[in-house]
Amino acid sequence: IIKAKEQVFLLLNILNTQLINNNYILGDEFSLADIPAGCWYNRCQKFNFDFSNFDGINAWFSKLRKRDAYKNNVISAPLPPN
C-alpha cells in the first residue's frame, strides 16, 4: 500500500504542476481529459489521500465540483465493488 501511494503521489505531482499553470488539464477550458482524471481524483479522495500540498489540483477540483454533471455522476456515485 505504501509503494502504491508513493506512485500515486508521483503522478499527482505531474498533474499538480500542469494545473498550477492552467484552469483545466489541457488549458483554460474543460475537456475530455478532465473527466477520467476527475473520476480518479474523486476515488483517491474517498480513500483519504492527503491533497493538502497540491494547490493546483485543489483549485481544479473546486471548479469540477461546481459542474452539475460532475456532482451528479461522479461525486454522488457509489464506488463499484472490487
C-alpha atoms as a PDB file:
ATOM      1  CA  ILE A   1       0.000   0.000   0.000  1.00  0.00           C
ATOM      2  CA  ILE A   2       2.839   2.380   0.852  1.00  0.00           C
ATOM      3  CA  LYS A   3       4.519   1.790  -2.521  1.00  0.00           C
ATOM      4  CA  ALA A   4       1.227   2.303  -4.366  1.00  0.00           C
ATOM      5  CA  LYS A   5       0.635   5.596  -2.539  1.00  0.00           C
ATOM      6  CA  GLU A   6       4.144   6.753  -3.443  1.00  0.00           C
ATOM      7  CA  GLN A   7       3.421   6.017  -7.108  1.00  0.00           C
ATOM      8  CA  VAL A   8       0.112   7.861  -6.930  1.00  0.00           C
ATOM      9  CA  PHE A   9       1.796  10.905  -5.408  1.00  0.00           C
ATOM     10  CA  LEU A  10       4.401  10.931  -8.189  1.00  0.00           C
ATOM     11  CA  LEU A  11       1.548  11.161 -10.698  1.00  0.00           C
ATOM     12  CA  LEU A  12      -0.237  13.762  -8.611  1.00  0.00           C
ATOM     13  CA  ASN A  13       2.875  15.944  -8.697  1.00  0.00           C
ATOM     14  CA  ILE A  14       2.808  15.879 -12.506  1.00  0.00           C
ATOM     15  CA  LEU A  15      -0.897  16.721 -12.576  1.00  0.00           C
ATOM     16  CA  ASN A  16      -0.457  19.446  -9.969  1.00  0.00           C
ATOM     17  CA  THR A  17       2.304  21.125 -11.979  1.00  0.00           C
ATOM     18  CA  GLN A  18       0.040  21.206 -15.021  1.00  0.00           C
ATOM     19  CA  LEU A  19      -2.885  22.583 -13.026  1.00  0.00           C
ATOM     20  CA  ILE A  20      -0.882  25.313 -11.318  1.00  0.00           C
ATOM     21  CA  ASN A  21      -0.463  26.882 -14.751  1.00  0.00           C
ATOM     22  CA  ASN A  22      -3.899  26.027 -16.202  1.00  0.00           C
ATOM     23  CA  ASN A  23      -7.534  26.025 -15.127  1.00  0.00           C
ATOM     24  CA  TYR A  24      -8.024  22.538 -16.551  1.00  0.00           C
ATOM     25  CA  ILE A  25      -5.718  19.738 -17.652  1.00  0.00           C
ATOM     26  CA  LEU A  26      -5.336  20.853 -21.267  1.00  0.00           C
ATOM     27  CA  GLY A  27      -5.632  24.588 -20.753  1.00  0.00           C
ATOM     28  CA  ASP A  28      -8.261  27.073 -19.748  1.00  0.00           C
ATOM     29  CA  GLU A  29     -11.328  25.108 -20.869  1.00  0.00           C
ATOM     30  CA  PHE A  30     -12.843  21.893 -19.562  1.00  0.00           C
ATOM     31  CA  SER A  31     -12.066  18.969 -21.882  1.00  0.00           C
ATOM     32  CA  LEU A  32     -12.342  15.215 -22.179  1.00  0.00           C
ATOM     33  CA  ALA A  33      -9.028  14.918 -20.305  1.00  0.00           C
ATOM     34  CA  ASP A  34     -10.645  16.273 -17.141  1.00  0.00           C
ATOM     35  CA  ILE A  35     -13.291  13.549 -16.974  1.00  0.00           C
ATOM     36  CA  PRO A  36     -11.195  10.446 -16.182  1.00  0.00           C
ATOM     37  CA  ALA A  37      -8.783  12.458 -14.042  1.00  0.00           C
ATOM     38  CA  GLY A  38     -11.721  13.892 -12.116  1.00  0.00           C
ATOM     39  CA  CYS A  39     -13.131  10.402 -11.533  1.00  0.00           C
ATOM     40  CA  TRP A  40      -9.733   9.152 -10.391  1.00  0.00           C
ATOM     41  CA  TYR A  41      -9.292  12.146  -8.085  1.00  0.00           C
ATOM     42  CA  ASN A  42     -12.684  11.536  -6.512  1.00  0.00           C
ATOM     43  CA  ARG A  43     -11.784   7.913  -5.840  1.00  0.00           C
ATOM     44  CA  CYS A  44      -8.477   8.929  -4.225  1.00  0.00           C
ATOM     45  CA  GLN A  45     -10.366  11.361  -2.003  1.00  0.00           C
ATOM     46  CA  LYS A  46     -12.660   8.598  -0.811  1.00  0.00           C
ATOM     47  CA  PHE A  47      -9.564   6.644   0.217  1.00  0.00           C
ATOM     48  CA  ASN A  48      -8.317   9.537   2.372  1.00  0.00           C
ATOM     49  CA  PHE A  49      -5.356  10.653   0.296  1.00  0.00           C
ATOM     50  CA  ASP A  50      -3.842  13.881   1.597  1.00  0.00           C
ATOM     51  CA  PHE A  51      -4.141  16.552  -1.104  1.00  0.00           C
ATOM     52  CA  SER A  52      -3.168  19.478   1.108  1.00  0.00           C
ATOM     53  CA  ASN A  53       0.122  20.085  -0.744  1.00  0.00           C
ATOM     54  CA  PHE A  54      -1.464  20.177  -4.198  1.00  0.00           C
ATOM     55  CA  ASP A  55      -2.724  23.720  -4.738  1.00  0.00           C
ATOM     56  CA  GLY A  56      -3.238  23.255  -8.484  1.00  0.00           C
ATOM     57  CA  ILE A  57      -5.277  20.090  -8.026  1.00  0.00           C
ATOM     58  CA  ASN A  58      -7.357  21.622  -5.264  1.00  0.00           C
ATOM     59  CA  ALA A  59      -8.208  24.679  -7.376  1.00  0.00           C
ATOM     60  CA  TRP A  60      -9.101  22.402 -10.315  1.00  0.00           C
ATOM     61  CA  PHE A  61     -11.302  20.231  -8.098  1.00  0.00           C
ATOM     62  CA  SER A  62     -13.141  23.325  -6.867  1.00  0.00           C
ATOM     63  CA  LYS A  63     -14.078  24.036 -10.479  1.00  0.00           C
ATOM     64  CA  LEU A  64     -15.071  20.430 -11.176  1.00  0.00           C
ATOM     65  CA  ARG A  65     -17.339  20.057  -8.183  1.00  0.00           C
ATOM     66  CA  LYS A  66     -19.343  23.109  -9.284  1.00  0.00           C
ATOM     67  CA  ARG A  67     -20.264  21.312 -12.514  1.00  0.00           C
ATOM     68  CA  ASP A  68     -23.672  19.641 -12.309  1.00  0.00           C
ATOM     69  CA  ALA A  69     -22.567  16.638 -14.355  1.00  0.00           C
ATOM     70  CA  TYR A  70     -19.623  16.017 -12.025  1.00  0.00           C
ATOM     71  CA  LYS A  71     -21.769  16.343  -8.908  1.00  0.00           C
ATOM     72  CA  ASN A  72     -24.478  14.064 -10.283  1.00  0.00           C
ATOM     73  CA  ASN A  73     -22.324  11.412 -11.932  1.00  0.00           C
ATOM     74  CA  VAL A  74     -19.062  11.274 -10.017  1.00  0.00           C
ATOM     75  CA  ILE A  75     -19.368  12.658  -6.505  1.00  0.00           C
ATOM     76  CA  SER A  76     -22.737  11.090  -5.775  1.00  0.00           C
ATOM     77  CA  ALA A  77     -21.958   7.758  -7.496  1.00  0.00           C
ATOM     78  CA  PRO A  78     -21.145   4.837  -5.226  1.00  0.00           C
ATOM     79  CA  LEU A  79     -17.798   3.128  -5.604  1.00  0.00           C
ATOM     80  CA  PRO A  80     -18.017  -0.037  -7.681  1.00  0.00           C
ATOM     81  CA  PRO A  81     -17.445  -3.321  -5.878  1.00  0.00           C
ATOM     82  CA  ASN A  82     -13.932  -4.696  -6.227  1.00  0.00           C
END
